[in-house]
Amino acid sequence: MNSFNHYSLGSVGRWLFQSMAGIDTHEEGVGFKSIVIAPKPGGNLHKMTARYQSINGLIGMSWETNGANITLTIDIPVNTKALIDLSFLKQPLHTNVGSGRYVYEGELTQPFTQIL
């Protein structure tokens, strides 16, 4: 095989962005004008950082856990809005935000390896 531009590799990248990092478009906005941030941490990963260069600017998402608690840092570009869904926390968070940097800390609902 001479090319790494194959769907099987792209599907892994898509899963990393949409599931582990939770970066996706919202159904009401095209081109990442309206963003959904809904990460699904778990498995053997204890740290995740993802960045996506959208037409509106850089979308950033990172999380780090010690197994019981998690810290998330989210960057939303200017002139966009985001729905943040952190339903895996002991005190779930669902909020709409504008552009800026947001840091959330919380306790996980269950042992970390079982969330996925």
C-alpha atoms as a PDB file:
ATOM      1  CA  MET A   1       0.000   0.000   0.000  1.00  0.00           C
ATOM      2  CA  ASN A   2       1.480   3.334  -1.050  1.00  0.00           C
ATOM      3  CA  SER A   3      -1.204   5.694   0.235  1.00  0.00           C
ATOM      4  CA  PHE A   4      -2.280   6.412   3.787  1.00  0.00           C
ATOM      5  CA  ASN A   5      -5.228   8.440   2.469  1.00  0.00           C
ATOM      6  CA  HIS A   6      -7.713   5.639   3.023  1.00  0.00           C
ATOM      7  CA  TYR A   7     -11.161   5.664   4.615  1.00  0.00           C
ATOM      8  CA  SER A   8     -10.163   3.190   7.313  1.00  0.00           C
ATOM      9  CA  LEU A   9      -7.610   5.658   8.657  1.00  0.00           C
ATOM     10  CA  GLY A  10     -10.003   8.602   8.311  1.00  0.00           C
ATOM     11  CA  SER A  11     -12.677   6.806  10.303  1.00  0.00           C
ATOM     12  CA  VAL A  12     -10.260   6.482  13.234  1.00  0.00           C
ATOM     13  CA  GLY A  13      -9.546  10.218  13.064  1.00  0.00           C
ATOM     14  CA  ARG A  14     -13.255  10.983  12.981  1.00  0.00           C
ATOM     15  CA  TRP A  15     -13.854   8.762  16.028  1.00  0.00           C
ATOM     16  CA  LEU A  16     -11.065  10.523  17.939  1.00  0.00           C
ATOM     17  CA  PHE A  17     -12.497  13.976  17.194  1.00  0.00           C
ATOM     18  CA  GLN A  18     -16.205  13.197  17.608  1.00  0.00           C
ATOM     19  CA  SER A  19     -16.072  10.676  20.471  1.00  0.00           C
ATOM     20  CA  MET A  20     -12.943  11.048  22.572  1.00  0.00           C
ATOM     21  CA  ALA A  21     -12.569  14.824  22.097  1.00  0.00           C
ATOM     22  CA  GLY A  22     -16.295  15.370  21.484  1.00  0.00           C
ATOM     23  CA  ILE A  23     -15.889  18.078  18.814  1.00  0.00           C
ATOM     24  CA  ASP A  24     -18.793  18.107  16.372  1.00  0.00           C
ATOM     25  CA  THR A  25     -21.087  20.487  14.502  1.00  0.00           C
ATOM     26  CA  HIS A  26     -24.501  21.351  15.876  1.00  0.00           C
ATOM     27  CA  GLU A  27     -27.480  20.592  13.641  1.00  0.00           C
ATOM     28  CA  GLU A  28     -28.551  24.263  13.588  1.00  0.00           C
ATOM     29  CA  GLY A  29     -25.248  25.694  12.325  1.00  0.00           C
ATOM     30  CA  VAL A  30     -23.088  24.767   9.363  1.00  0.00           C
ATOM     31  CA  GLY A  31     -19.326  25.069   9.111  1.00  0.00           C
ATOM     32  CA  PHE A  32     -18.803  24.916  12.873  1.00  0.00           C
ATOM     33  CA  LYS A  33     -20.701  28.174  13.406  1.00  0.00           C
ATOM     34  CA  SER A  34     -22.531  26.271  16.139  1.00  0.00           C
ATOM     35  CA  ILE A  35     -20.459  23.612  17.883  1.00  0.00           C
ATOM     36  CA  VAL A  36     -21.224  20.672  20.146  1.00  0.00           C
ATOM     37  CA  ILE A  37     -18.591  19.698  22.710  1.00  0.00           C
ATOM     38  CA  ALA A  38     -19.529  16.318  24.220  1.00  0.00           C
ATOM     39  CA  PRO A  39     -16.393  14.291  25.011  1.00  0.00           C
ATOM     40  CA  LYS A  40     -16.551  10.645  25.995  1.00  0.00           C
ATOM     41  CA  PRO A  41     -13.428   9.955  28.047  1.00  0.00           C
ATOM     42  CA  GLY A  42     -12.598   6.437  29.080  1.00  0.00           C
ATOM     43  CA  GLY A  43     -10.634   3.324  28.348  1.00  0.00           C
ATOM     44  CA  ASN A  44      -6.936   3.464  29.065  1.00  0.00           C
ATOM     45  CA  LEU A  45      -6.507   7.103  28.030  1.00  0.00           C
ATOM     46  CA  HIS A  46      -5.887   9.541  30.842  1.00  0.00           C
ATOM     47  CA  LYS A  47      -5.220  12.619  28.716  1.00  0.00           C
ATOM     48  CA  MET A  48      -6.577  13.876  25.394  1.00  0.00           C
ATOM     49  CA  THR A  49      -5.892  17.033  23.399  1.00  0.00           C
ATOM     50  CA  ALA A  50      -7.522  17.834  20.058  1.00  0.00           C
ATOM     51  CA  ARG A  51      -7.622  20.949  17.905  1.00  0.00           C
ATOM     52  CA  TYR A  52      -9.637  21.577  14.780  1.00  0.00           C
ATOM     53  CA  GLN A  53      -8.998  24.547  12.501  1.00  0.00           C
ATOM     54  CA  SER A  54     -12.508  25.526  11.401  1.00  0.00           C
ATOM     55  CA  ILE A  55     -13.367  28.341   9.024  1.00  0.00           C
ATOM     56  CA  ASN A  56     -14.195  30.465  12.100  1.00  0.00           C
ATOM     57  CA  GLY A  57     -10.978  29.714  13.983  1.00  0.00           C
ATOM     58  CA  LEU A  58      -9.344  27.108  16.159  1.00  0.00           C
ATOM     59  CA  ILE A  59     -11.584  24.818  18.218  1.00  0.00           C
ATOM     60  CA  GLY A  60      -9.701  23.247  21.093  1.00  0.00           C
ATOM     61  CA  MET A  61     -10.584  20.539  23.581  1.00  0.00           C
ATOM     62  CA  SER A  62      -8.400  18.850  26.148  1.00  0.00           C
ATOM     63  CA  TRP A  63      -9.093  16.733  29.190  1.00  0.00           C
ATOM     64  CA  GLU A  64      -6.989  15.023  31.811  1.00  0.00           C
ATOM     65  CA  THR A  65      -8.066  12.643  34.558  1.00  0.00           C
ATOM     66  CA  ASN A  66      -6.589  10.932  37.590  1.00  0.00           C
ATOM     67  CA  GLY A  67      -9.321   8.264  37.467  1.00  0.00           C
ATOM     68  CA  ALA A  68     -11.754   9.916  39.883  1.00  0.00           C
ATOM     69  CA  ASN A  69     -11.705  13.574  38.774  1.00  0.00           C
ATOM     70  CA  ILE A  70     -11.343  15.255  35.401  1.00  0.00           C
ATOM     71  CA  THR A  71     -10.228  18.691  34.194  1.00  0.00           C
ATOM     72  CA  LEU A  72     -11.434  19.928  30.798  1.00  0.00           C
ATOM     73  CA  THR A  73     -10.243  22.976  28.853  1.00  0.00           C
ATOM     74  CA  ILE A  74     -12.368  24.103  25.911  1.00  0.00           C
ATOM     75  CA  ASP A  75     -11.564  26.842  23.364  1.00  0.00           C
ATOM     76  CA  ILE A  76     -14.375  28.239  21.226  1.00  0.00           C
ATOM     77  CA  PRO A  77     -13.422  30.615  18.359  1.00  0.00           C
ATOM     78  CA  VAL A  78     -14.840  34.119  17.906  1.00  0.00           C
ATOM     79  CA  ASN A  79     -18.297  34.585  16.391  1.00  0.00           C
ATOM     80  CA  THR A  80     -19.347  31.034  17.230  1.00  0.00           C
ATOM     81  CA  LYS A  81     -21.357  29.387  19.971  1.00  0.00           C
ATOM     82  CA  ALA A  82     -21.186  25.975  21.566  1.00  0.00           C
ATOM     83  CA  LEU A  83     -23.323  23.529  23.470  1.00  0.00           C
ATOM     84  CA  ILE A  84     -21.186  21.878  26.133  1.00  0.00           C
ATOM     85  CA  ASP A  85     -22.450  18.477  27.280  1.00  0.00           C
ATOM     86  CA  LEU A  86     -20.553  16.961  30.197  1.00  0.00           C
ATOM     87  CA  SER A  87     -23.118  14.333  31.125  1.00  0.00           C
ATOM     88  CA  PHE A  88     -20.433  11.917  32.405  1.00  0.00           C
ATOM     89  CA  LEU A  89     -19.799  14.089  35.503  1.00  0.00           C
ATOM     90  CA  LYS A  90     -21.299  13.289  38.902  1.00  0.00           C
ATOM     91  CA  GLN A  91     -22.997  16.708  38.604  1.00  0.00           C
ATOM     92  CA  PRO A  92     -23.797  16.750  34.856  1.00  0.00           C
ATOM     93  CA  LEU A  93     -23.342  20.008  32.991  1.00  0.00           C
ATOM     94  CA  HIS A  94     -25.285  21.095  29.892  1.00  0.00           C
ATOM     95  CA  THR A  95     -24.691  24.709  28.947  1.00  0.00           C
ATOM     96  CA  ASN A  96     -24.558  27.066  25.976  1.00  0.00           C
ATOM     97  CA  VAL A  97     -21.530  29.346  25.705  1.00  0.00           C
ATOM     98  CA  GLY A  98     -20.062  31.924  23.342  1.00  0.00           C
ATOM     99  CA  SER A  99     -16.489  32.309  22.198  1.00  0.00           C
ATOM    100  CA  GLY A 100     -13.690  32.058  24.737  1.00  0.00           C
ATOM    101  CA  ARG A 101     -11.776  29.609  26.914  1.00  0.00           C
ATOM    102  CA  TYR A 102     -13.626  27.511  29.489  1.00  0.00           C
ATOM    103  CA  VAL A 103     -12.158  25.282  32.181  1.00  0.00           C
ATOM    104  CA  TYR A 104     -14.299  22.726  33.992  1.00  0.00           C
ATOM    105  CA  GLU A 105     -13.349  20.413  36.826  1.00  0.00           C
ATOM    106  CA  GLY A 106     -15.533  17.662  38.188  1.00  0.00           C
ATOM    107  CA  GLU A 107     -15.899  14.250  39.694  1.00  0.00           C
ATOM    108  CA  LEU A 108     -16.615  11.299  37.411  1.00  0.00           C
ATOM    109  CA  THR A 109     -19.794   9.279  37.912  1.00  0.00           C
ATOM    110  CA  GLN A 110     -18.064   5.904  37.784  1.00  0.00           C
ATOM    111  CA  PRO A 111     -14.585   4.408  37.579  1.00  0.00           C
ATOM    112  CA  PHE A 112     -12.843   5.937  34.599  1.00  0.00           C
ATOM    113  CA  THR A 113     -12.307   2.792  32.524  1.00  0.00           C
ATOM    114  CA  GLN A 114     -16.059   2.085  32.405  1.00  0.00           C
ATOM    115  CA  ILE A 115     -17.252   5.361  30.852  1.00  0.00           C
ATOM    116  CA  LEU A 116     -16.633   4.415  27.205  1.00  0.00           C
END
